[in-house]
Amino acid sequence: QVQLVESGGGLVQPGGSLRLSCAASGFTLDYYAIGWFRQAPGKEREGVSCISSSGGSTSYADSVKGRFTISRDNAKNTVYLQMNSLKVEDTAVYYCYAQWGTCSGSDYDYWGQGTQVTVSS
């Protein structure tokens, strides 16, 4: 069946780094834009980053620009989110999604169950 599975979350101190992975199964990511959104208790869902199907275009929320980097390896059917200089406010459940076409809006075709990222001292 079609699945997106996130991994790599955990507990990290402020200023630390994590790399999240999103592995697809049941379909290939070649024709999808892939992104990440996050949600923390009491906060609105926030789009974090997105990468085009070709990998030629990326976008980031202002809150993570300069700190996060999204990348993809279509041969491995996997997308990554490198998170550096983590802040307490980055604490959230992070979800990856697949969107047919371009990185636009929140009309996702598939999404995973999320991975918890906790930034705390």
PDB file of N, CA and C in Angstrom:
ATOM      1  N   GLN A   1       0.827  -1.171   0.000  1.00  0.00           N
ATOM      2  CA  GLN A   1       0.000   0.000   0.000  1.00  0.00           C
ATOM      3  C   GLN A   1       0.883   1.251   0.000  1.00  0.00           C
ATOM      4  N   VAL A   2       0.269   2.358  -0.321  1.00  0.00           N
ATOM      5  CA  VAL A   2       0.979   3.626  -0.362  1.00  0.00           C
ATOM      6  C   VAL A   2       1.287   4.083   1.051  1.00  0.00           C
ATOM      7  N   GLN A   3       2.545   4.366   1.299  1.00  0.00           N
ATOM      8  CA  GLN A   3       2.956   4.818   2.619  1.00  0.00           C
ATOM      9  C   GLN A   3       4.090   5.823   2.534  1.00  0.00           C
ATOM     10  N   LEU A   4       4.091   6.753   3.476  1.00  0.00           N
ATOM     11  CA  LEU A   4       5.225   7.610   3.751  1.00  0.00           C
ATOM     12  C   LEU A   4       5.571   7.411   5.220  1.00  0.00           C
ATOM     13  N   VAL A   5       6.816   7.108   5.492  1.00  0.00           N
ATOM     14  CA  VAL A   5       7.236   6.818   6.853  1.00  0.00           C
ATOM     15  C   VAL A   5       8.383   7.736   7.232  1.00  0.00           C
ATOM     16  N   GLU A   6       8.142   8.550   8.258  1.00  0.00           N
ATOM     17  CA  GLU A   6       9.159   9.464   8.755  1.00  0.00           C
ATOM     18  C   GLU A   6      10.008   8.779   9.819  1.00  0.00           C
ATOM     19  N   SER A   7      11.249   9.195   9.915  1.00  0.00           N
ATOM     20  CA  SER A   7      12.134   8.704  10.956  1.00  0.00           C
ATOM     21  C   SER A   7      13.188   9.762  11.248  1.00  0.00           C
ATOM     22  N   GLY A   8      13.891   9.585  12.349  1.00  0.00           N
ATOM     23  CA  GLY A   8      14.988  10.472  12.684  1.00  0.00           C
ATOM     24  C   GLY A   8      14.695  11.474  13.772  1.00  0.00           C
ATOM     25  N   GLY A   9      13.461  11.528  14.233  1.00  0.00           N
ATOM     26  CA  GLY A   9      13.127  12.449  15.297  1.00  0.00           C
ATOM     27  C   GLY A   9      13.708  12.001  16.621  1.00  0.00           C
ATOM     28  N   GLY A  10      13.624  12.885  17.595  1.00  0.00           N
ATOM     29  CA  GLY A  10      14.138  12.568  18.906  1.00  0.00           C
ATOM     30  C   GLY A  10      14.302  13.803  19.753  1.00  0.00           C
ATOM     31  N   LEU A  11      15.031  13.652  20.829  1.00  0.00           N
ATOM     32  CA  LEU A  11      15.297  14.738  21.766  1.00  0.00           C
ATOM     33  C   LEU A  11      16.675  15.317  21.494  1.00  0.00           C
ATOM     34  N   VAL A  12      16.738  16.629  21.377  1.00  0.00           N
ATOM     35  CA  VAL A  12      18.002  17.295  21.107  1.00  0.00           C
ATOM     36  C   VAL A  12      18.038  18.612  21.876  1.00  0.00           C
ATOM     37  N   GLN A  13      19.226  19.033  22.249  1.00  0.00           N
ATOM     38  CA  GLN A  13      19.384  20.304  22.950  1.00  0.00           C
ATOM     39  C   GLN A  13      19.340  21.475  21.980  1.00  0.00           C
ATOM     40  N   PRO A  14      18.949  22.645  22.466  1.00  0.00           N
ATOM     41  CA  PRO A  14      18.998  23.827  21.602  1.00  0.00           C
ATOM     42  C   PRO A  14      20.375  23.991  20.975  1.00  0.00           C
ATOM     43  N   GLY A  15      20.389  24.325  19.699  1.00  0.00           N
ATOM     44  CA  GLY A  15      21.626  24.444  18.959  1.00  0.00           C
ATOM     45  C   GLY A  15      22.072  23.162  18.293  1.00  0.00           C
ATOM     46  N   GLY A  16      21.432  22.071  18.612  1.00  0.00           N
ATOM     47  CA  GLY A  16      21.795  20.791  18.048  1.00  0.00           C
ATOM     48  C   GLY A  16      21.197  20.562  16.673  1.00  0.00           C
ATOM     49  N   SER A  17      21.430  19.364  16.159  1.00  0.00           N
ATOM     50  CA  SER A  17      20.995  19.017  14.810  1.00  0.00           C
ATOM     51  C   SER A  17      20.312  17.664  14.779  1.00  0.00           C
ATOM     52  N   LEU A  18      19.417  17.520  13.834  1.00  0.00           N
ATOM     53  CA  LEU A  18      18.778  16.248  13.535  1.00  0.00           C
ATOM     54  C   LEU A  18      18.584  16.157  12.032  1.00  0.00           C
ATOM     55  N   ARG A  19      18.568  14.950  11.523  1.00  0.00           N
ATOM     56  CA  ARG A  19      18.213  14.724  10.138  1.00  0.00           C
ATOM     57  C   ARG A  19      17.013  13.802  10.083  1.00  0.00           C
ATOM     58  N   LEU A  20      15.939  14.302   9.520  1.00  0.00           N
ATOM     59  CA  LEU A  20      14.738  13.514   9.339  1.00  0.00           C
ATOM     60  C   LEU A  20      14.743  12.867   7.966  1.00  0.00           C
ATOM     61  N   SER A  21      14.203  11.671   7.907  1.00  0.00           N
ATOM     62  CA  SER A  21      14.068  10.966   6.645  1.00  0.00           C
ATOM     63  C   SER A  21      12.607  10.632   6.402  1.00  0.00           C
ATOM     64  N   CYS A  22      12.236  10.595   5.151  1.00  0.00           N
ATOM     65  CA  CYS A  22      10.886  10.231   4.748  1.00  0.00           C
ATOM     66  C   CYS A  22      11.008   9.229   3.619  1.00  0.00           C
ATOM     67  N   ALA A  23      10.643   8.007   3.888  1.00  0.00           N
ATOM     68  CA  ALA A  23      10.754   6.935   2.910  1.00  0.00           C
ATOM     69  C   ALA A  23       9.383   6.574   2.360  1.00  0.00           C
ATOM     70  N   ALA A  24       9.286   6.515   1.055  1.00  0.00           N
ATOM     71  CA  ALA A  24       8.035   6.169   0.394  1.00  0.00           C
ATOM     72  C   ALA A  24       8.026   4.706  -0.004  1.00  0.00           C
ATOM     73  N   SER A  25       6.865   4.107   0.079  1.00  0.00           N
ATOM     74  CA  SER A  25       6.675   2.749  -0.400  1.00  0.00           C
ATOM     75  C   SER A  25       5.316   2.654  -1.071  1.00  0.00           C
ATOM     76  N   GLY A  26       5.200   1.740  -2.002  1.00  0.00           N
ATOM     77  CA  GLY A  26       3.955   1.585  -2.726  1.00  0.00           C
ATOM     78  C   GLY A  26       3.802   2.528  -3.903  1.00  0.00           C
ATOM     79  N   PHE A  27       4.686   3.478  -4.022  1.00  0.00           N
ATOM     80  CA  PHE A  27       4.700   4.404  -5.149  1.00  0.00           C
ATOM     81  C   PHE A  27       6.074   5.046  -5.204  1.00  0.00           C
ATOM     82  N   THR A  28       6.373   5.679  -6.294  1.00  0.00           N
ATOM     83  CA  THR A  28       7.637   6.382  -6.441  1.00  0.00           C
ATOM     84  C   THR A  28       7.408   7.872  -6.331  1.00  0.00           C
ATOM     85  N   LEU A  29       8.412   8.559  -5.828  1.00  0.00           N
ATOM     86  CA  LEU A  29       8.313   9.992  -5.592  1.00  0.00           C
ATOM     87  C   LEU A  29       8.656  10.839  -6.811  1.00  0.00           C
ATOM     88  N   ASP A  30       9.018  10.209  -7.887  1.00  0.00           N
ATOM     89  CA  ASP A  30       9.566  10.922  -9.045  1.00  0.00           C
ATOM     90  C   ASP A  30       8.699  12.074  -9.532  1.00  0.00           C
ATOM     91  N   TYR A  31       7.387  11.901  -9.478  1.00  0.00           N
ATOM     92  CA  TYR A  31       6.489  12.898 -10.055  1.00  0.00           C
ATOM     93  C   TYR A  31       5.791  13.750  -9.007  1.00  0.00           C
ATOM     94  N   TYR A  32       6.282  13.707  -7.804  1.00  0.00           N
ATOM     95  CA  TYR A  32       5.669  14.444  -6.712  1.00  0.00           C
ATOM     96  C   TYR A  32       6.614  15.478  -6.128  1.00  0.00           C
ATOM     97  N   ALA A  33       6.065  16.618  -5.809  1.00  0.00           N
ATOM     98  CA  ALA A  33       6.745  17.507  -4.893  1.00  0.00           C
ATOM     99  C   ALA A  33       6.608  16.924  -3.494  1.00  0.00           C
ATOM    100  N   ILE A  34       7.661  17.006  -2.725  1.00  0.00           N
ATOM    101  CA  ILE A  34       7.663  16.439  -1.380  1.00  0.00           C
ATOM    102  C   ILE A  34       7.979  17.536  -0.376  1.00  0.00           C
ATOM    103  N   GLY A  35       7.241  17.545   0.712  1.00  0.00           N
ATOM    104  CA  GLY A  35       7.475  18.572   1.704  1.00  0.00           C
ATOM    105  C   GLY A  35       7.329  18.069   3.119  1.00  0.00           C
ATOM    106  N   TRP A  36       7.532  18.988   4.025  1.00  0.00           N
ATOM    107  CA  TRP A  36       7.393  18.724   5.454  1.00  0.00           C
ATOM    108  C   TRP A  36       6.514  19.798   6.076  1.00  0.00           C
ATOM    109  N   PHE A  37       5.621  19.386   6.941  1.00  0.00           N
ATOM    110  CA  PHE A  37       4.923  20.330   7.790  1.00  0.00           C
ATOM    111  C   PHE A  37       5.046  19.860   9.229  1.00  0.00           C
ATOM    112  N   ARG A  38       4.780  20.751  10.140  1.00  0.00           N
ATOM    113  CA  ARG A  38       4.895  20.411  11.548  1.00  0.00           C
ATOM    114  C   ARG A  38       3.712  20.971  12.314  1.00  0.00           C
ATOM    115  N   GLN A  39       3.442  20.346  13.438  1.00  0.00           N
ATOM    116  CA  GLN A  39       2.369  20.809  14.290  1.00  0.00           C
ATOM    117  C   GLN A  39       2.726  20.566  15.743  1.00  0.00           C
ATOM    118  N   ALA A  40       2.615  21.607  16.528  1.00  0.00           N
ATOM    119  CA  ALA A  40       2.849  21.532  17.958  1.00  0.00           C
ATOM    120  C   ALA A  40       1.530  21.763  18.680  1.00  0.00           C
ATOM    121  N   PRO A  41       1.376  21.220  19.881  1.00  0.00           N
ATOM    122  CA  PRO A  41       0.145  21.435  20.634  1.00  0.00           C
ATOM    123  C   PRO A  41      -0.160  22.913  20.810  1.00  0.00           C
ATOM    124  N   GLY A  42      -1.395  23.288  20.514  1.00  0.00           N
ATOM    125  CA  GLY A  42      -1.814  24.662  20.665  1.00  0.00           C
ATOM    126  C   GLY A  42      -1.390  25.594  19.553  1.00  0.00           C
ATOM    127  N   LYS A  43      -0.735  25.068  18.541  1.00  0.00           N
ATOM    128  CA  LYS A  43      -0.280  25.887  17.435  1.00  0.00           C
ATOM    129  C   LYS A  43      -0.890  25.410  16.124  1.00  0.00           C
ATOM    130  N   GLU A  44      -0.958  26.321  15.176  1.00  0.00           N
ATOM    131  CA  GLU A  44      -1.445  25.970  13.862  1.00  0.00           C
ATOM    132  C   GLU A  44      -0.427  25.111  13.122  1.00  0.00           C
ATOM    133  N   ARG A  45      -0.932  24.302  12.216  1.00  0.00           N
ATOM    134  CA  ARG A  45      -0.050  23.550  11.353  1.00  0.00           C
ATOM    135  C   ARG A  45       0.782  24.507  10.512  1.00  0.00           C
ATOM    136  N   GLU A  46       2.057  24.219  10.395  1.00  0.00           N
ATOM    137  CA  GLU A  46       2.965  25.106   9.690  1.00  0.00           C
ATOM    138  C   GLU A  46       3.730  24.352   8.618  1.00  0.00           C
ATOM    139  N   GLY A  47       3.645  24.821   7.401  1.00  0.00           N
ATOM    140  CA  GLY A  47       4.472  24.284   6.344  1.00  0.00           C
ATOM    141  C   GLY A  47       5.913  24.663   6.594  1.00  0.00           C
ATOM    142  N   VAL A  48       6.800  23.689   6.526  1.00  0.00           N
ATOM    143  CA  VAL A  48       8.206  23.897   6.846  1.00  0.00           C
ATOM    144  C   VAL A  48       9.054  24.053   5.592  1.00  0.00           C
ATOM    145  N   SER A  49       8.900  23.122   4.674  1.00  0.00           N
ATOM    146  CA  SER A  49       9.748  23.117   3.494  1.00  0.00           C
ATOM    147  C   SER A  49       9.135  22.240   2.422  1.00  0.00           C
ATOM    148  N   CYS A  50       9.559  22.463   1.198  1.00  0.00           N
ATOM    149  CA  CYS A  50       9.090  21.647   0.084  1.00  0.00           C
ATOM    150  C   CYS A  50      10.167  21.619  -0.986  1.00  0.00           C
ATOM    151  N   ILE A  51      10.232  20.516  -1.707  1.00  0.00           N
ATOM    152  CA  ILE A  51      11.189  20.367  -2.797  1.00  0.00           C
ATOM    153  C   ILE A  51      10.454  19.836  -4.018  1.00  0.00           C
ATOM    154  N   SER A  52      10.781  20.374  -5.166  1.00  0.00           N
ATOM    155  CA  SER A  52      10.122  19.976  -6.399  1.00  0.00           C
ATOM    156  C   SER A  52      10.493  18.547  -6.779  1.00  0.00           C
ATOM    157  N   SER A  53       9.730  17.990  -7.699  1.00  0.00           N
ATOM    158  CA  SER A  53       9.963  16.607  -8.111  1.00  0.00           C
ATOM    159  C   SER A  53      11.358  16.394  -8.678  1.00  0.00           C
ATOM    160  N   SER A  54      11.870  17.389  -9.358  1.00  0.00           N
ATOM    161  CA  SER A  54      13.209  17.296  -9.940  1.00  0.00           C
ATOM    162  C   SER A  54      14.311  17.629  -8.946  1.00  0.00           C
ATOM    163  N   GLY A  55      13.942  18.213  -7.837  1.00  0.00           N
ATOM    164  CA  GLY A  55      14.920  18.676  -6.876  1.00  0.00           C
ATOM    165  C   GLY A  55      15.509  20.029  -7.215  1.00  0.00           C
ATOM    166  N   GLY A  56      15.017  20.636  -8.271  1.00  0.00           N
ATOM    167  CA  GLY A  56      15.579  21.885  -8.735  1.00  0.00           C
ATOM    168  C   GLY A  56      15.075  23.122  -8.027  1.00  0.00           C
ATOM    169  N   SER A  57      14.047  22.977  -7.239  1.00  0.00           N
ATOM    170  CA  SER A  57      13.468  24.121  -6.553  1.00  0.00           C
ATOM    171  C   SER A  57      13.104  23.726  -5.132  1.00  0.00           C
ATOM    172  N   THR A  58      13.439  24.578  -4.196  1.00  0.00           N
ATOM    173  CA  THR A  58      13.106  24.353  -2.792  1.00  0.00           C
ATOM    174  C   THR A  58      12.496  25.604  -2.193  1.00  0.00           C
ATOM    175  N   SER A  59      11.715  25.413  -1.147  1.00  0.00           N
ATOM    176  CA  SER A  59      11.137  26.531  -0.439  1.00  0.00           C
ATOM    177  C   SER A  59      11.172  26.235   1.051  1.00  0.00           C
ATOM    178  N   TYR A  60      11.209  27.311   1.840  1.00  0.00           N
ATOM    179  CA  TYR A  60      11.293  27.178   3.286  1.00  0.00           C
ATOM    180  C   TYR A  60      10.441  28.234   3.961  1.00  0.00           C
ATOM    181  N   ALA A  61       9.891  27.856   5.086  1.00  0.00           N
ATOM    182  CA  ALA A  61       9.237  28.844   5.923  1.00  0.00           C
ATOM    183  C   ALA A  61      10.281  29.822   6.452  1.00  0.00           C
ATOM    184  N   ASP A  62       9.873  31.066   6.641  1.00  0.00           N
ATOM    185  CA  ASP A  62      10.802  32.069   7.150  1.00  0.00           C
ATOM    186  C   ASP A  62      11.425  31.648   8.477  1.00  0.00           C
ATOM    187  N   SER A  63      10.678  30.920   9.269  1.00  0.00           N
ATOM    188  CA  SER A  63      11.144  30.533  10.583  1.00  0.00           C
ATOM    189  C   SER A  63      12.303  29.545  10.560  1.00  0.00           C
ATOM    190  N   VAL A  64      12.526  28.880   9.423  1.00  0.00           N
ATOM    191  CA  VAL A  64      13.585  27.873   9.355  1.00  0.00           C
ATOM    192  C   VAL A  64      14.642  28.179   8.307  1.00  0.00           C
ATOM    193  N   LYS A  65      14.477  29.241   7.558  1.00  0.00           N
ATOM    194  CA  LYS A  65      15.451  29.584   6.525  1.00  0.00           C
ATOM    195  C   LYS A  65      16.841  29.761   7.126  1.00  0.00           C
ATOM    196  N   GLY A  66      17.804  29.192   6.457  1.00  0.00           N
ATOM    197  CA  GLY A  66      19.176  29.274   6.918  1.00  0.00           C
ATOM    198  C   GLY A  66      19.557  28.211   7.907  1.00  0.00           C
ATOM    199  N   ARG A  67      18.577  27.479   8.408  1.00  0.00           N
ATOM    200  CA  ARG A  67      18.842  26.442   9.396  1.00  0.00           C
ATOM    201  C   ARG A  67      18.481  25.042   8.899  1.00  0.00           C
ATOM    202  N   PHE A  68      17.440  24.950   8.094  1.00  0.00           N
ATOM    203  CA  PHE A  68      16.981  23.658   7.587  1.00  0.00           C
ATOM    204  C   PHE A  68      17.313  23.530   6.104  1.00  0.00           C
ATOM    205  N   THR A  69      17.567  22.304   5.673  1.00  0.00           N
ATOM    206  CA  THR A  69      17.824  22.027   4.274  1.00  0.00           C
ATOM    207  C   THR A  69      17.067  20.773   3.858  1.00  0.00           C
ATOM    208  N   ILE A  70      16.280  20.894   2.806  1.00  0.00           N
ATOM    209  CA  ILE A  70      15.550  19.748   2.294  1.00  0.00           C
ATOM    210  C   ILE A  70      16.274  19.193   1.073  1.00  0.00           C
ATOM    211  N   SER A  71      16.266  17.893   0.935  1.00  0.00           N
ATOM    212  CA  SER A  71      16.883  17.256  -0.213  1.00  0.00           C
ATOM    213  C   SER A  71      16.140  15.964  -0.522  1.00  0.00           C
ATOM    214  N   ARG A  72      16.384  15.423  -1.693  1.00  0.00           N
ATOM    215  CA  ARG A  72      15.729  14.178  -2.063  1.00  0.00           C
ATOM    216  C   ARG A  72      16.660  13.304  -2.864  1.00  0.00           C
ATOM    217  N   ASP A  73      16.426  12.019  -2.761  1.00  0.00           N
ATOM    218  CA  ASP A  73      17.159  11.030  -3.528  1.00  0.00           C
ATOM    219  C   ASP A  73      16.115  10.121  -4.154  1.00  0.00           C
ATOM    220  N   ASN A  74      15.748  10.429  -5.384  1.00  0.00           N
ATOM    221  CA  ASN A  74      14.692   9.668  -6.034  1.00  0.00           C
ATOM    222  C   ASN A  74      15.067   8.198  -6.219  1.00  0.00           C
ATOM    223  N   ALA A  75      16.350   7.928  -6.394  1.00  0.00           N
ATOM    224  CA  ALA A  75      16.790   6.550  -6.545  1.00  0.00           C
ATOM    225  C   ALA A  75      16.497   5.729  -5.298  1.00  0.00           C
ATOM    226  N   LYS A  76      16.530   6.381  -4.148  1.00  0.00           N
ATOM    227  CA  LYS A  76      16.233   5.721  -2.886  1.00  0.00           C
ATOM    228  C   LYS A  76      14.799   5.943  -2.436  1.00  0.00           C
ATOM    229  N   ASN A  77      14.048   6.715  -3.221  1.00  0.00           N
ATOM    230  CA  ASN A  77      12.650   7.007  -2.903  1.00  0.00           C
ATOM    231  C   ASN A  77      12.529   7.630  -1.512  1.00  0.00           C
ATOM    232  N   THR A  78      13.444   8.532  -1.223  1.00  0.00           N
ATOM    233  CA  THR A  78      13.552   9.093   0.111  1.00  0.00           C
ATOM    234  C   THR A  78      13.805  10.595   0.051  1.00  0.00           C
ATOM    235  N   VAL A  79      13.245  11.302   1.008  1.00  0.00           N
ATOM    236  CA  VAL A  79      13.445  12.736   1.162  1.00  0.00           C
ATOM    237  C   VAL A  79      14.003  12.987   2.553  1.00  0.00           C
ATOM    238  N   TYR A  80      14.839  14.005   2.668  1.00  0.00           N
ATOM    239  CA  TYR A  80      15.496  14.305   3.926  1.00  0.00           C
ATOM    240  C   TYR A  80      15.246  15.753   4.336  1.00  0.00           C
ATOM    241  N   LEU A  81      15.285  15.974   5.617  1.00  0.00           N
ATOM    242  CA  LEU A  81      15.246  17.326   6.157  1.00  0.00           C
ATOM    243  C   LEU A  81      16.357  17.443   7.185  1.00  0.00           C
ATOM    244  N   GLN A  82      17.414  18.150   6.815  1.00  0.00           N
ATOM    245  CA  GLN A  82      18.512  18.406   7.730  1.00  0.00           C
ATOM    246  C   GLN A  82      18.170  19.635   8.552  1.00  0.00           C
ATOM    247  N   MET A  83      18.157  19.487   9.855  1.00  0.00           N
ATOM    248  CA  MET A  83      17.782  20.563  10.752  1.00  0.00           C
ATOM    249  C   MET A  83      18.969  20.904  11.633  1.00  0.00           C
ATOM    250  N   ASN A  84      19.466  22.116  11.491  1.00  0.00           N
ATOM    251  CA  ASN A  84      20.591  22.597  12.271  1.00  0.00           C
ATOM    252  C   ASN A  84      20.158  23.764  13.144  1.00  0.00           C
ATOM    253  N   SER A  85      20.983  24.070  14.119  1.00  0.00           N
ATOM    254  CA  SER A  85      20.728  25.199  15.017  1.00  0.00           C
ATOM    255  C   SER A  85      19.304  25.170  15.556  1.00  0.00           C
ATOM    256  N   LEU A  86      18.908  24.026  16.035  1.00  0.00           N
ATOM    257  CA  LEU A  86      17.529  23.845  16.473  1.00  0.00           C
ATOM    258  C   LEU A  86      17.194  24.728  17.668  1.00  0.00           C
ATOM    259  N   LYS A  87      15.963  25.196  17.661  1.00  0.00           N
ATOM    260  CA  LYS A  87      15.440  26.051  18.711  1.00  0.00           C
ATOM    261  C   LYS A  87      14.304  25.345  19.431  1.00  0.00           C
ATOM    262  N   VAL A  88      14.021  25.798  20.631  1.00  0.00           N
ATOM    263  CA  VAL A  88      12.925  25.226  21.398  1.00  0.00           C
ATOM    264  C   VAL A  88      11.621  25.303  20.611  1.00  0.00           C
ATOM    265  N   GLU A  89      11.420  26.388  19.903  1.00  0.00           N
ATOM    266  CA  GLU A  89      10.189  26.567  19.147  1.00  0.00           C
ATOM    267  C   GLU A  89      10.068  25.640  17.942  1.00  0.00           C
ATOM    268  N   ASP A  90      11.122  24.894  17.631  1.00  0.00           N
ATOM    269  CA  ASP A  90      11.042  23.888  16.584  1.00  0.00           C
ATOM    270  C   ASP A  90      10.380  22.603  17.066  1.00  0.00           C
ATOM    271  N   THR A  91      10.147  22.506  18.353  1.00  0.00           N
ATOM    272  CA  THR A  91       9.520  21.314  18.912  1.00  0.00           C
ATOM    273  C   THR A  91       8.135  21.104  18.306  1.00  0.00           C
ATOM    274  N   ALA A  92       7.924  19.937  17.734  1.00  0.00           N
ATOM    275  CA  ALA A  92       6.664  19.629  17.067  1.00  0.00           C
ATOM    276  C   ALA A  92       6.723  18.207  16.542  1.00  0.00           C
ATOM    277  N   VAL A  93       5.585  17.733  16.082  1.00  0.00           N
ATOM    278  CA  VAL A  93       5.562  16.518  15.288  1.00  0.00           C
ATOM    279  C   VAL A  93       5.755  16.926  13.838  1.00  0.00           C
ATOM    280  N   TYR A  94       6.702  16.303  13.181  1.00  0.00           N
ATOM    281  CA  TYR A  94       7.025  16.622  11.802  1.00  0.00           C
ATOM    282  C   TYR A  94       6.471  15.545  10.878  1.00  0.00           C
ATOM    283  N   TYR A  95       5.757  15.990   9.866  1.00  0.00           N
ATOM    284  CA  TYR A  95       5.142  15.102   8.898  1.00  0.00           C
ATOM    285  C   TYR A  95       5.706  15.380   7.514  1.00  0.00           C
ATOM    286  N   CYS A  96       5.918  14.351   6.743  1.00  0.00           N
ATOM    287  CA  CYS A  96       6.250  14.559   5.345  1.00  0.00           C
ATOM    288  C   CYS A  96       5.018  14.298   4.491  1.00  0.00           C
ATOM    289  N   TYR A  97       4.998  14.924   3.333  1.00  0.00           N
ATOM    290  CA  TYR A  97       3.864  14.755   2.443  1.00  0.00           C
ATOM    291  C   TYR A  97       4.331  14.705   0.998  1.00  0.00           C
ATOM    292  N   ALA A  98       3.498  14.119   0.171  1.00  0.00           N
ATOM    293  CA  ALA A  98       3.719  14.075  -1.265  1.00  0.00           C
ATOM    294  C   ALA A  98       2.580  14.805  -1.950  1.00  0.00           C
ATOM    295  N   GLN A  99       2.928  15.650  -2.890  1.00  0.00           N
ATOM    296  CA  GLN A  99       1.947  16.474  -3.575  1.00  0.00           C
ATOM    297  C   GLN A  99       2.192  16.389  -5.075  1.00  0.00           C
ATOM    298  N   TRP A 100       1.194  15.907  -5.791  1.00  0.00           N
ATOM    299  CA  TRP A 100       1.332  15.814  -7.242  1.00  0.00           C
ATOM    300  C   TRP A 100       1.454  17.201  -7.828  1.00  0.00           C
ATOM    301  N   GLY A 101       2.503  17.396  -8.574  1.00  0.00           N
ATOM    302  CA  GLY A 101       2.711  18.676  -9.206  1.00  0.00           C
ATOM    303  C   GLY A 101       3.760  19.494  -8.480  1.00  0.00           C
ATOM    304  N   THR A 102       3.406  20.728  -8.201  1.00  0.00           N
ATOM    305  CA  THR A 102       4.342  21.677  -7.625  1.00  0.00           C
ATOM    306  C   THR A 102       4.107  21.871  -6.136  1.00  0.00           C
ATOM    307  N   CYS A 103       5.073  22.521  -5.499  1.00  0.00           N
ATOM    308  CA  CYS A 103       4.936  22.891  -4.104  1.00  0.00           C
ATOM    309  C   CYS A 103       3.974  24.069  -4.022  1.00  0.00           C
ATOM    310  N   SER A 104       2.737  23.766  -3.690  1.00  0.00           N
ATOM    311  CA  SER A 104       1.729  24.809  -3.681  1.00  0.00           C
ATOM    312  C   SER A 104       0.578  24.428  -2.768  1.00  0.00           C
ATOM    313  N   GLY A 105       0.306  25.280  -1.801  1.00  0.00           N
ATOM    314  CA  GLY A 105      -0.817  25.070  -0.919  1.00  0.00           C
ATOM    315  C   GLY A 105      -0.652  23.873  -0.009  1.00  0.00           C
ATOM    316  N   SER A 106      -1.775  23.397   0.476  1.00  0.00           N
ATOM    317  CA  SER A 106      -1.785  22.286   1.434  1.00  0.00           C
ATOM    318  C   SER A 106      -2.647  21.133   0.955  1.00  0.00           C
ATOM    319  N   ASP A 107      -2.808  20.999  -0.338  1.00  0.00           N
ATOM    320  CA  ASP A 107      -3.592  19.913  -0.914  1.00  0.00           C
ATOM    321  C   ASP A 107      -2.683  18.718  -1.142  1.00  0.00           C
ATOM    322  N   TYR A 108      -2.463  17.950  -0.096  1.00  0.00           N
ATOM    323  CA  TYR A 108      -1.530  16.839  -0.146  1.00  0.00           C
ATOM    324  C   TYR A 108      -2.203  15.562  -0.621  1.00  0.00           C
ATOM    325  N   ASP A 109      -1.477  14.770  -1.376  1.00  0.00           N
ATOM    326  CA  ASP A 109      -1.986  13.486  -1.824  1.00  0.00           C
ATOM    327  C   ASP A 109      -1.727  12.393  -0.795  1.00  0.00           C
ATOM    328  N   TYR A 110      -0.560  12.407  -0.202  1.00  0.00           N
ATOM    329  CA  TYR A 110      -0.189  11.430   0.814  1.00  0.00           C
ATOM    330  C   TYR A 110       0.593  12.121   1.910  1.00  0.00           C
ATOM    331  N   TRP A 111       0.524  11.568   3.109  1.00  0.00           N
ATOM    332  CA  TRP A 111       1.324  12.049   4.218  1.00  0.00           C
ATOM    333  C   TRP A 111       1.546  10.929   5.208  1.00  0.00           C
ATOM    334  N   GLY A 112       2.570  11.102   6.008  1.00  0.00           N
ATOM    335  CA  GLY A 112       2.921  10.081   6.964  1.00  0.00           C
ATOM    336  C   GLY A 112       2.294  10.307   8.319  1.00  0.00           C
ATOM    337  N   GLN A 113       2.716   9.506   9.279  1.00  0.00           N
ATOM    338  CA  GLN A 113       2.185   9.588  10.637  1.00  0.00           C
ATOM    339  C   GLN A 113       2.997  10.495  11.540  1.00  0.00           C
ATOM    340  N   GLY A 114       4.120  10.964  11.064  1.00  0.00           N
ATOM    341  CA  GLY A 114       4.895  11.948  11.778  1.00  0.00           C
ATOM    342  C   GLY A 114       5.979  11.361  12.659  1.00  0.00           C
ATOM    343  N   THR A 115       6.937  12.209  12.982  1.00  0.00           N
ATOM    344  CA  THR A 115       7.993  11.862  13.917  1.00  0.00           C
ATOM    345  C   THR A 115       8.191  13.033  14.874  1.00  0.00           C
ATOM    346  N   GLN A 116       8.320  12.730  16.146  1.00  0.00           N
ATOM    347  CA  GLN A 116       8.409  13.760  17.174  1.00  0.00           C
ATOM    348  C   GLN A 116       9.812  14.337  17.245  1.00  0.00           C
ATOM    349  N   VAL A 117       9.886  15.652  17.222  1.00  0.00           N
ATOM    350  CA  VAL A 117      11.132  16.374  17.448  1.00  0.00           C
ATOM    351  C   VAL A 117      10.945  17.228  18.689  1.00  0.00           C
ATOM    352  N   THR A 118      11.782  17.013  19.670  1.00  0.00           N
ATOM    353  CA  THR A 118      11.719  17.774  20.904  1.00  0.00           C
ATOM    354  C   THR A 118      13.056  18.454  21.138  1.00  0.00           C
ATOM    355  N   VAL A 119      13.023  19.769  21.234  1.00  0.00           N
ATOM    356  CA  VAL A 119      14.227  20.557  21.475  1.00  0.00           C
ATOM    357  C   VAL A 119      14.123  21.116  22.884  1.00  0.00           C
ATOM    358  N   SER A 120      14.975  20.650  23.750  1.00  0.00           N
ATOM    359  CA  SER A 120      14.904  21.036  25.154  1.00  0.00           C
ATOM    360  C   SER A 120      16.253  20.832  25.813  1.00  0.00           C
ATOM    361  N   SER A 121      16.540  21.676  26.784  1.00  0.00           N
ATOM    362  CA  SER A 121      17.755  21.535  27.567  1.00  0.00           C
ATOM    363  C   SER A 121      17.517  20.726  28.829  1.00  0.00           C
TER     364      SER A 121
END
